[in-house]
Amino acid sequence: MSVATAVIIIVDTAPIKHNTMEVLKKLFTTPRAEKPTMSYDKAVLTAELRTTLLNELFDIQRGILDRKGYDYAGEDVLSNFRLAGMIVNQGSTHPDAVNCLNLIGTKVARLGQLLSSNKSAQNESVQDSIVDLCNYSALLYLILKMEK
């Protein structure tokens, strides 16, 4: 007997409303849609192309860091992380780093959601999220570097 059958038998004997029972039966008996087979582009990433693509990425990162830094912070470009860290993570020995880690976690979760589903991004592209993730990692590096 499968687990689903066992659960349905157990649930069948419990005093549950009829429509709840139907939902449970559908949950355990409806086949899940198959995920599409993964395929990878067979293009070769040469060292020269890697350098070109990464330099493009680093230029994009720098531009975003400069523009967002202007909006979010004053003379101390890490001040927004320090302030937000103090507000959110009172009592932490590294509130600014923890705040930055929270942003990294949120960005990773968003990317995971978009890449593991058929959703298409509505507000920020996957590529923009990846650049943000790179930037948050760089900012975390700077935060920890400035604490030494």
C-alpha atoms as a PDB file:
ATOM      1  CA  MET A   1       0.000   0.000   0.000  1.00  0.00           C
ATOM      2  CA  SER A   2       1.398   3.418  -0.918  1.00  0.00           C
ATOM      3  CA  VAL A   3       1.718   6.296   1.520  1.00  0.00           C
ATOM      4  CA  ALA A   4      -0.936   8.207  -0.400  1.00  0.00           C
ATOM      5  CA  THR A   5      -3.353   5.269  -0.110  1.00  0.00           C
ATOM      6  CA  ALA A   6      -2.623   4.927   3.597  1.00  0.00           C
ATOM      7  CA  VAL A   7      -3.260   8.626   4.152  1.00  0.00           C
ATOM      8  CA  ILE A   8      -6.513   8.468   2.206  1.00  0.00           C
ATOM      9  CA  ILE A   9      -7.648   5.423   4.193  1.00  0.00           C
ATOM     10  CA  ILE A  10      -6.801   7.161   7.471  1.00  0.00           C
ATOM     11  CA  VAL A  11      -8.455  10.369   6.327  1.00  0.00           C
ATOM     12  CA  ASP A  12     -11.489   8.424   5.034  1.00  0.00           C
ATOM     13  CA  THR A  13     -12.158   7.104   8.519  1.00  0.00           C
ATOM     14  CA  ALA A  14     -11.855  10.519  10.177  1.00  0.00           C
ATOM     15  CA  PRO A  15     -14.911  12.768  10.488  1.00  0.00           C
ATOM     16  CA  ILE A  16     -13.977  15.318   7.783  1.00  0.00           C
ATOM     17  CA  LYS A  17     -16.225  17.420   5.602  1.00  0.00           C
ATOM     18  CA  HIS A  18     -16.795  15.885   2.173  1.00  0.00           C
ATOM     19  CA  ASN A  19     -15.139  18.675   0.132  1.00  0.00           C
ATOM     20  CA  THR A  20     -12.006  18.556   2.331  1.00  0.00           C
ATOM     21  CA  MET A  21     -11.771  14.837   1.656  1.00  0.00           C
ATOM     22  CA  GLU A  22     -12.026  15.465  -2.097  1.00  0.00           C
ATOM     23  CA  VAL A  23      -9.201  17.992  -1.952  1.00  0.00           C
ATOM     24  CA  LEU A  24      -6.994  15.501  -0.088  1.00  0.00           C
ATOM     25  CA  LYS A  25      -7.791  12.732  -2.567  1.00  0.00           C
ATOM     26  CA  LYS A  26      -6.878  14.999  -5.490  1.00  0.00           C
ATOM     27  CA  LEU A  27      -3.679  16.048  -3.776  1.00  0.00           C
ATOM     28  CA  PHE A  28      -2.477  12.467  -3.482  1.00  0.00           C
ATOM     29  CA  THR A  29      -3.871  11.047  -6.722  1.00  0.00           C
ATOM     30  CA  THR A  30      -3.289  13.812  -9.279  1.00  0.00           C
ATOM     31  CA  PRO A  31      -0.071  13.105 -11.188  1.00  0.00           C
ATOM     32  CA  ARG A  32       2.401  15.948 -11.072  1.00  0.00           C
ATOM     33  CA  ALA A  33       3.450  17.580 -14.299  1.00  0.00           C
ATOM     34  CA  GLU A  34       6.790  16.391 -15.563  1.00  0.00           C
ATOM     35  CA  LYS A  35       9.598  18.902 -15.585  1.00  0.00           C
ATOM     36  CA  PRO A  36      11.126  19.606 -18.972  1.00  0.00           C
ATOM     37  CA  THR A  37      14.380  17.832 -19.684  1.00  0.00           C
ATOM     38  CA  MET A  38      17.389  20.029 -19.064  1.00  0.00           C
ATOM     39  CA  SER A  39      19.548  20.867 -22.022  1.00  0.00           C
ATOM     40  CA  TYR A  40      22.777  22.792 -22.078  1.00  0.00           C
ATOM     41  CA  ASP A  41      24.193  24.924 -24.790  1.00  0.00           C
ATOM     42  CA  LYS A  42      27.286  23.175 -26.103  1.00  0.00           C
ATOM     43  CA  ALA A  43      29.109  26.449 -26.835  1.00  0.00           C
ATOM     44  CA  VAL A  44      32.689  26.571 -25.583  1.00  0.00           C
ATOM     45  CA  LEU A  45      33.608  29.269 -23.089  1.00  0.00           C
ATOM     46  CA  THR A  46      37.144  30.257 -23.945  1.00  0.00           C
ATOM     47  CA  ALA A  47      39.362  32.161 -21.517  1.00  0.00           C
ATOM     48  CA  GLU A  48      39.139  35.193 -23.809  1.00  0.00           C
ATOM     49  CA  LEU A  49      35.335  35.115 -23.957  1.00  0.00           C
ATOM     50  CA  ARG A  50      35.166  34.583 -20.164  1.00  0.00           C
ATOM     51  CA  THR A  51      37.311  37.685 -19.630  1.00  0.00           C
ATOM     52  CA  THR A  52      35.161  39.721 -22.012  1.00  0.00           C
ATOM     53  CA  LEU A  53      31.875  38.605 -20.416  1.00  0.00           C
ATOM     54  CA  LEU A  54      33.146  39.131 -16.863  1.00  0.00           C
ATOM     55  CA  ASN A  55      34.481  42.593 -17.719  1.00  0.00           C
ATOM     56  CA  GLU A  56      31.015  43.451 -19.064  1.00  0.00           C
ATOM     57  CA  LEU A  57      29.492  42.148 -15.830  1.00  0.00           C
ATOM     58  CA  PHE A  58      31.950  44.103 -13.663  1.00  0.00           C
ATOM     59  CA  ASP A  59      31.230  47.305 -15.623  1.00  0.00           C
ATOM     60  CA  ILE A  60      27.487  46.770 -15.106  1.00  0.00           C
ATOM     61  CA  GLN A  61      28.074  46.059 -11.396  1.00  0.00           C
ATOM     62  CA  ARG A  62      30.170  49.216 -10.921  1.00  0.00           C
ATOM     63  CA  GLY A  63      27.548  51.369 -12.627  1.00  0.00           C
ATOM     64  CA  ILE A  64      24.744  49.975 -10.476  1.00  0.00           C
ATOM     65  CA  LEU A  65      26.812  50.269  -7.285  1.00  0.00           C
ATOM     66  CA  ASP A  66      27.571  53.909  -8.078  1.00  0.00           C
ATOM     67  CA  ARG A  67      23.972  54.828  -8.940  1.00  0.00           C
ATOM     68  CA  LYS A  68      22.364  52.950  -6.042  1.00  0.00           C
ATOM     69  CA  GLY A  69      25.077  54.087  -3.642  1.00  0.00           C
ATOM     70  CA  TYR A  70      24.207  57.682  -4.496  1.00  0.00           C
ATOM     71  CA  ASP A  71      20.521  57.051  -3.737  1.00  0.00           C
ATOM     72  CA  TYR A  72      20.975  54.946  -0.602  1.00  0.00           C
ATOM     73  CA  ALA A  73      23.962  56.441   1.206  1.00  0.00           C
ATOM     74  CA  GLY A  74      25.923  59.595   1.860  1.00  0.00           C
ATOM     75  CA  GLU A  75      29.686  59.988   2.115  1.00  0.00           C
ATOM     76  CA  ASP A  76      29.943  56.572   3.786  1.00  0.00           C
ATOM     77  CA  VAL A  77      28.634  54.268   1.060  1.00  0.00           C
ATOM     78  CA  LEU A  78      27.971  51.522   3.628  1.00  0.00           C
ATOM     79  CA  SER A  79      25.892  53.748   5.920  1.00  0.00           C
ATOM     80  CA  ASN A  80      22.585  52.343   4.644  1.00  0.00           C
ATOM     81  CA  PHE A  81      23.650  48.815   5.658  1.00  0.00           C
ATOM     82  CA  ARG A  82      24.788  50.024   9.060  1.00  0.00           C
ATOM     83  CA  LEU A  83      21.554  51.905   9.729  1.00  0.00           C
ATOM     84  CA  ALA A  84      19.294  49.121   8.438  1.00  0.00           C
ATOM     85  CA  GLY A  85      21.349  46.575  10.360  1.00  0.00           C
ATOM     86  CA  MET A  86      20.930  48.501  13.605  1.00  0.00           C
ATOM     87  CA  ILE A  87      17.178  48.792  13.052  1.00  0.00           C
ATOM     88  CA  VAL A  88      16.583  45.146  12.154  1.00  0.00           C
ATOM     89  CA  ASN A  89      19.284  43.221  13.987  1.00  0.00           C
ATOM     90  CA  GLN A  90      19.568  44.784  17.406  1.00  0.00           C
ATOM     91  CA  GLY A  91      21.968  42.881  19.600  1.00  0.00           C
ATOM     92  CA  SER A  92      23.928  41.325  16.745  1.00  0.00           C
ATOM     93  CA  THR A  93      27.693  41.786  16.784  1.00  0.00           C
ATOM     94  CA  HIS A  94      27.638  42.440  13.011  1.00  0.00           C
ATOM     95  CA  PRO A  95      24.214  43.984  12.266  1.00  0.00           C
ATOM     96  CA  ASP A  96      25.291  45.510   8.955  1.00  0.00           C
ATOM     97  CA  ALA A  97      26.708  42.196   7.709  1.00  0.00           C
ATOM     98  CA  VAL A  98      23.580  40.328   8.842  1.00  0.00           C
ATOM     99  CA  ASN A  99      21.414  42.869   7.020  1.00  0.00           C
ATOM    100  CA  CYS A 100      23.448  42.362   3.852  1.00  0.00           C
ATOM    101  CA  LEU A 101      23.170  38.573   4.260  1.00  0.00           C
ATOM    102  CA  ASN A 102      19.384  38.930   4.533  1.00  0.00           C
ATOM    103  CA  LEU A 103      19.356  40.757   1.199  1.00  0.00           C
ATOM    104  CA  ILE A 104      21.547  38.040  -0.329  1.00  0.00           C
ATOM    105  CA  GLY A 105      19.180  35.377   1.009  1.00  0.00           C
ATOM    106  CA  THR A 106      16.148  37.151  -0.405  1.00  0.00           C
ATOM    107  CA  LYS A 107      17.813  37.541  -3.803  1.00  0.00           C
ATOM    108  CA  VAL A 108      18.878  33.865  -3.865  1.00  0.00           C
ATOM    109  CA  ALA A 109      15.328  32.792  -2.952  1.00  0.00           C
ATOM    110  CA  ARG A 110      13.898  34.963  -5.739  1.00  0.00           C
ATOM    111  CA  LEU A 111      16.341  33.530  -8.270  1.00  0.00           C
ATOM    112  CA  GLY A 112      15.550  30.000  -7.133  1.00  0.00           C
ATOM    113  CA  GLN A 113      11.852  30.664  -7.563  1.00  0.00           C
ATOM    114  CA  LEU A 114      12.284  32.056 -11.074  1.00  0.00           C
ATOM    115  CA  LEU A 115      14.792  29.462 -12.287  1.00  0.00           C
ATOM    116  CA  SER A 116      12.943  26.423 -10.926  1.00  0.00           C
ATOM    117  CA  SER A 117       9.545  27.370 -12.318  1.00  0.00           C
ATOM    118  CA  ASN A 118       8.076  28.518 -15.581  1.00  0.00           C
ATOM    119  CA  LYS A 119       7.589  32.011 -14.187  1.00  0.00           C
ATOM    120  CA  SER A 120       8.984  34.942 -16.073  1.00  0.00           C
ATOM    121  CA  ALA A 121      10.241  37.915 -14.123  1.00  0.00           C
ATOM    122  CA  GLN A 122       7.779  40.812 -14.012  1.00  0.00           C
ATOM    123  CA  ASN A 123       9.856  43.619 -12.480  1.00  0.00           C
ATOM    124  CA  GLU A 124      13.529  42.718 -12.459  1.00  0.00           C
ATOM    125  CA  SER A 125      15.160  40.342 -14.903  1.00  0.00           C
ATOM    126  CA  VAL A 126      17.037  37.245 -13.783  1.00  0.00           C
ATOM    127  CA  GLN A 127      20.208  38.865 -15.081  1.00  0.00           C
ATOM    128  CA  ASP A 128      19.547  42.006 -12.976  1.00  0.00           C
ATOM    129  CA  SER A 129      19.013  39.825  -9.907  1.00  0.00           C
ATOM    130  CA  ILE A 130      22.295  38.033 -10.543  1.00  0.00           C
ATOM    131  CA  VAL A 131      24.112  41.370 -10.813  1.00  0.00           C
ATOM    132  CA  ASP A 132      22.452  42.498  -7.561  1.00  0.00           C
ATOM    133  CA  LEU A 133      23.594  39.271  -5.921  1.00  0.00           C
ATOM    134  CA  CYS A 134      27.158  39.944  -7.093  1.00  0.00           C
ATOM    135  CA  ASN A 135      26.918  43.475  -5.729  1.00  0.00           C
ATOM    136  CA  TYR A 136      25.526  42.397  -2.358  1.00  0.00           C
ATOM    137  CA  SER A 137      28.381  39.913  -2.074  1.00  0.00           C
ATOM    138  CA  ALA A 138      30.892  42.653  -2.914  1.00  0.00           C
ATOM    139  CA  LEU A 139      29.265  44.969  -0.375  1.00  0.00           C
ATOM    140  CA  LEU A 140      29.397  42.244   2.276  1.00  0.00           C
ATOM    141  CA  TYR A 141      33.099  41.871   1.515  1.00  0.00           C
ATOM    142  CA  LEU A 142      33.554  45.637   2.003  1.00  0.00           C
ATOM    143  CA  ILE A 143      31.512  45.678   5.221  1.00  0.00           C
ATOM    144  CA  LEU A 144      33.637  42.939   6.750  1.00  0.00           C
ATOM    145  CA  LYS A 145      36.869  44.506   5.403  1.00  0.00           C
ATOM    146  CA  MET A 146      36.003  47.839   7.069  1.00  0.00           C
ATOM    147  CA  GLU A 147      35.438  46.141  10.444  1.00  0.00           C
ATOM    148  CA  LYS A 148      39.064  44.990  10.642  1.00  0.00           C
END
